[in-house]
Amino acid sequence: MRRSPEPAERRRDAERSKQQLLDAAVIEFGAHGFSGARVSEIAARAGVNKQLISYYFGGKEGLYRAVADSWRAAEPDLTSNARTISEVVGAYARASIEQPDMLRLLIREGVDRDTAGNDEEAQHKRFQGMLADFRRRQEAGELASRLDLAYAGLALFGVSAAPVVFPQIARALGLDPDSEEFATRYAEETAKLVALLAEPD
């Protein structure tokens, strides 16, 4: 007779199932957007019963927000070793290449203009925090005073996302965005480019 799982085992199973759903959701939401993604497909990709989406996350919208929350929780680790703005942007560039489905999810949000599952308040807070960091860096002389930081921030975000958004252009330029060394090299070259923004006025 099979014994009942211990509480610790049940917790591990629950955490594993949650993570499988989150991983599958990133891919499905990135490919189809919030409206186009199907919970049945997410569950099938995760290898679990689709009822668990409601049980763990309260439904599709809750799952979408959990994906965003998971990214925000992990985001500080991306730049934990970055001291300069060049290193920060380089770290984001590397993360975009190494986690393309998360970036595709964000792109779908913009292209579809679909904010149904998005926590706009949390996103606003996140990017206003980024802008405040840029202002501190500008006051410290790390960024040129002539820069409008909101525009510069948007442009830098685009720079870090470019290989995932435009892989065909990378290939046309003679680069291989699928190669093992590309993420490291692109992060390095992006950091060099961003360093130019700190040049004196």
Protein backbone atom coordinates (compact mmCIF):
# COMPACT_ATOMS: atom_id res chain seq x y z
CA MET A 1 0.00 0.00 0.00
CA ARG A 2 1.35 3.40 -0.97
CA ARG A 3 1.93 5.66 2.01
CA SER A 4 0.54 9.19 2.12
CA PRO A 5 3.16 11.83 1.35
CA GLU A 6 4.63 13.71 4.28
CA PRO A 7 3.83 17.46 4.58
CA ALA A 8 7.34 18.38 3.45
CA GLU A 9 6.95 16.19 0.35
CA ARG A 10 3.61 17.81 -0.45
CA ARG A 11 5.20 21.25 -0.16
CA ARG A 12 8.03 20.22 -2.49
CA ASP A 13 5.54 18.81 -5.00
CA ALA A 14 3.47 21.99 -4.81
CA GLU A 15 6.53 24.23 -5.32
CA ARG A 16 7.69 22.07 -8.22
CA SER A 17 4.26 22.24 -9.88
CA LYS A 18 4.09 26.02 -9.39
CA GLN A 19 7.52 26.48 -10.94
CA GLN A 20 6.63 24.23 -13.87
CA LEU A 21 3.53 26.34 -14.49
CA LEU A 22 5.49 29.58 -14.25
CA ASP A 23 8.13 28.32 -16.69
CA ALA A 24 5.48 27.12 -19.14
CA ALA A 25 3.50 30.36 -18.78
CA VAL A 26 6.49 32.51 -19.76
CA ILE A 27 6.78 30.58 -23.02
CA GLU A 28 3.07 30.58 -23.82
CA PHE A 29 2.45 34.21 -22.88
CA GLY A 30 5.56 35.22 -24.81
CA ALA A 31 4.38 33.37 -27.91
CA HIS A 32 0.68 34.29 -27.82
CA GLY A 33 0.22 37.25 -25.49
CA PHE A 34 -2.09 37.30 -22.50
CA SER A 35 -5.31 37.05 -24.53
CA GLY A 36 -4.03 34.43 -26.96
CA ALA A 37 -2.45 32.08 -24.42
CA ARG A 38 -4.58 29.11 -23.34
CA VAL A 39 -4.46 27.69 -19.83
CA SER A 40 -4.83 24.20 -21.25
CA GLU A 41 -1.66 24.68 -23.31
CA ILE A 42 0.23 26.09 -20.34
CA ALA A 43 -0.80 23.14 -18.19
CA ALA A 44 0.06 20.64 -20.93
CA ARG A 45 3.50 22.18 -21.38
CA ALA A 46 4.02 22.08 -17.61
CA GLY A 47 2.80 18.47 -17.44
CA VAL A 48 0.20 19.18 -14.75
CA ASN A 49 -3.58 19.36 -14.45
CA LYS A 50 -4.93 22.71 -15.65
CA GLN A 51 -7.06 22.98 -12.48
CA LEU A 52 -3.82 23.71 -10.63
CA ILE A 53 -3.66 27.11 -12.35
CA SER A 54 -6.81 28.15 -10.52
CA TYR A 55 -5.75 26.39 -7.34
CA TYR A 56 -2.31 28.01 -7.11
CA PHE A 57 -2.79 31.30 -8.92
CA GLY A 58 -6.52 32.01 -8.98
CA GLY A 59 -6.68 31.71 -12.76
CA LYS A 60 -4.97 32.96 -15.88
CA GLU A 61 -4.59 36.58 -14.77
CA GLY A 62 -3.13 35.53 -11.45
CA LEU A 63 -0.63 33.32 -13.25
CA TYR A 64 0.37 36.18 -15.52
CA ARG A 65 0.96 38.43 -12.54
CA ALA A 66 2.89 35.69 -10.77
CA VAL A 67 5.23 35.51 -13.78
CA ALA A 68 5.80 39.27 -13.57
CA ASP A 69 6.29 39.11 -9.80
CA SER A 70 8.79 36.28 -10.21
CA TRP A 71 10.79 38.36 -12.70
CA ARG A 72 10.73 41.45 -10.46
CA ALA A 73 11.85 39.38 -7.47
CA ALA A 74 14.83 38.01 -9.40
CA GLU A 75 15.68 41.29 -11.15
CA PRO A 76 17.97 42.74 -8.43
CA ASP A 77 20.22 39.70 -8.77
CA LEU A 78 20.84 40.59 -12.43
CA THR A 79 22.73 43.72 -11.52
CA SER A 80 24.01 42.77 -8.07
CA ASN A 81 27.62 42.84 -9.33
CA ALA A 82 27.16 45.83 -11.66
CA ARG A 83 28.65 49.08 -10.43
CA THR A 84 28.45 51.32 -13.48
CA ILE A 85 25.56 52.05 -15.82
CA SER A 86 27.53 50.30 -18.55
CA GLU A 87 27.65 47.12 -16.49
CA VAL A 88 23.94 47.42 -15.64
CA VAL A 89 22.92 47.63 -19.29
CA GLY A 90 25.35 44.84 -20.18
CA ALA A 91 23.74 42.65 -17.51
CA TYR A 92 20.29 43.31 -18.92
CA ALA A 93 21.52 42.56 -22.42
CA ARG A 94 22.87 39.21 -21.26
CA ALA A 95 19.62 38.41 -19.42
CA SER A 96 17.54 39.26 -22.51
CA ILE A 97 19.55 36.84 -24.62
CA GLU A 98 19.60 34.10 -21.99
CA GLN A 99 15.88 34.46 -21.13
CA PRO A 100 14.30 35.43 -24.45
CA ASP A 101 10.79 34.20 -23.60
CA MET A 102 10.47 36.72 -20.78
CA LEU A 103 11.43 39.51 -23.16
CA ARG A 104 9.02 38.19 -25.81
CA LEU A 105 6.26 38.36 -23.20
CA LEU A 106 7.02 42.04 -22.65
CA ILE A 107 7.14 42.67 -26.40
CA ARG A 108 3.76 40.97 -26.88
CA GLU A 109 2.32 43.24 -24.21
CA GLY A 110 3.40 46.28 -26.18
CA VAL A 111 2.52 45.01 -29.65
CA ASP A 112 -0.91 43.72 -28.62
CA ARG A 113 -1.50 46.70 -26.32
CA ASP A 114 -2.85 44.08 -23.97
CA THR A 115 -2.61 45.05 -20.32
CA ALA A 116 -5.35 42.73 -19.03
CA GLY A 117 -2.94 40.69 -16.96
CA ASN A 118 -0.42 43.41 -16.27
CA ASP A 119 0.12 45.15 -12.95
CA GLU A 120 0.57 48.67 -14.30
CA GLU A 121 1.20 50.13 -10.86
CA ALA A 122 4.06 47.71 -10.20
CA GLN A 123 5.52 48.35 -13.64
CA HIS A 124 5.33 52.11 -13.16
CA LYS A 125 7.05 51.80 -9.78
CA ARG A 126 9.77 49.61 -11.28
CA PHE A 127 10.67 52.02 -14.07
CA GLN A 128 10.37 55.13 -11.93
CA GLY A 129 12.88 53.44 -9.64
CA MET A 130 15.16 52.93 -12.64
CA LEU A 131 14.78 56.60 -13.56
CA ALA A 132 15.64 57.68 -10.01
CA ASP A 133 18.81 55.55 -10.19
CA PHE A 134 19.71 57.22 -13.49
CA ARG A 135 19.26 60.65 -11.89
CA ARG A 136 21.60 59.71 -9.04
CA ARG A 137 24.15 58.53 -11.56
CA GLN A 138 23.76 61.73 -13.58
CA GLU A 139 24.25 63.89 -10.48
CA ALA A 140 27.37 61.87 -9.69
CA GLY A 141 28.74 62.58 -13.17
CA GLU A 142 28.36 59.05 -14.49
CA LEU A 143 25.82 60.15 -17.12
CA ALA A 144 26.14 63.33 -19.16
CA SER A 145 23.98 66.20 -17.87
CA ARG A 146 22.68 66.93 -21.36
CA LEU A 147 20.79 63.63 -21.49
CA ASP A 148 17.03 63.44 -21.00
CA LEU A 149 17.03 60.36 -18.81
CA ALA A 150 13.54 59.10 -19.64
CA TYR A 151 14.42 58.99 -23.35
CA ALA A 152 17.86 57.58 -22.61
CA GLY A 153 16.33 54.87 -20.41
CA LEU A 154 13.94 53.81 -23.15
CA ALA A 155 16.78 53.71 -25.68
CA LEU A 156 18.99 51.65 -23.35
CA PHE A 157 16.17 49.18 -22.79
CA GLY A 158 15.93 48.83 -26.57
CA VAL A 159 19.68 48.25 -26.85
CA SER A 160 19.55 45.41 -24.34
CA ALA A 161 16.58 43.81 -26.16
CA ALA A 162 17.86 44.18 -29.73
CA PRO A 163 19.30 40.66 -30.30
CA VAL A 164 16.01 39.01 -29.32
CA VAL A 165 13.84 41.48 -31.24
CA PHE A 166 16.02 41.57 -34.36
CA PRO A 167 17.96 38.28 -34.67
CA GLN A 168 17.66 38.51 -38.46
CA ILE A 169 19.49 41.85 -38.45
CA ALA A 170 22.21 40.39 -36.24
CA ARG A 171 22.69 37.61 -38.79
CA ALA A 172 22.71 40.11 -41.66
CA LEU A 173 25.50 41.94 -39.83
CA GLY A 174 27.51 38.73 -39.76
CA LEU A 175 26.79 37.88 -36.12
CA ASP A 176 25.45 34.62 -34.76
CA PRO A 177 22.89 35.38 -32.01
CA ASP A 178 22.49 31.65 -31.35
CA SER A 179 26.15 31.01 -30.58
CA GLU A 180 27.36 30.30 -27.05
CA GLU A 181 29.69 33.29 -26.96
CA PHE A 182 27.22 35.84 -28.38
CA ALA A 183 25.58 36.81 -25.05
CA THR A 184 28.93 37.54 -23.42
CA ARG A 185 30.28 39.47 -26.39
CA TYR A 186 27.10 41.49 -26.89
CA ALA A 187 27.02 42.41 -23.19
CA GLU A 188 30.66 43.57 -23.42
CA GLU A 189 30.12 45.63 -26.57
CA THR A 190 26.91 47.13 -25.22
CA ALA A 191 28.75 48.19 -22.07
CA LYS A 192 31.39 49.94 -24.21
CA LEU A 193 28.66 51.77 -26.14
CA VAL A 194 26.87 52.90 -23.00
CA ALA A 195 30.14 54.13 -21.49
CA LEU A 196 30.13 56.84 -24.15
CA LEU A 197 27.08 58.37 -22.48
CA ALA A 198 29.27 59.34 -19.55
CA GLU A 199 31.59 61.47 -21.65
CA PRO A 200 31.80 65.11 -20.48
CA ASP A 201 29.40 67.63 -22.04
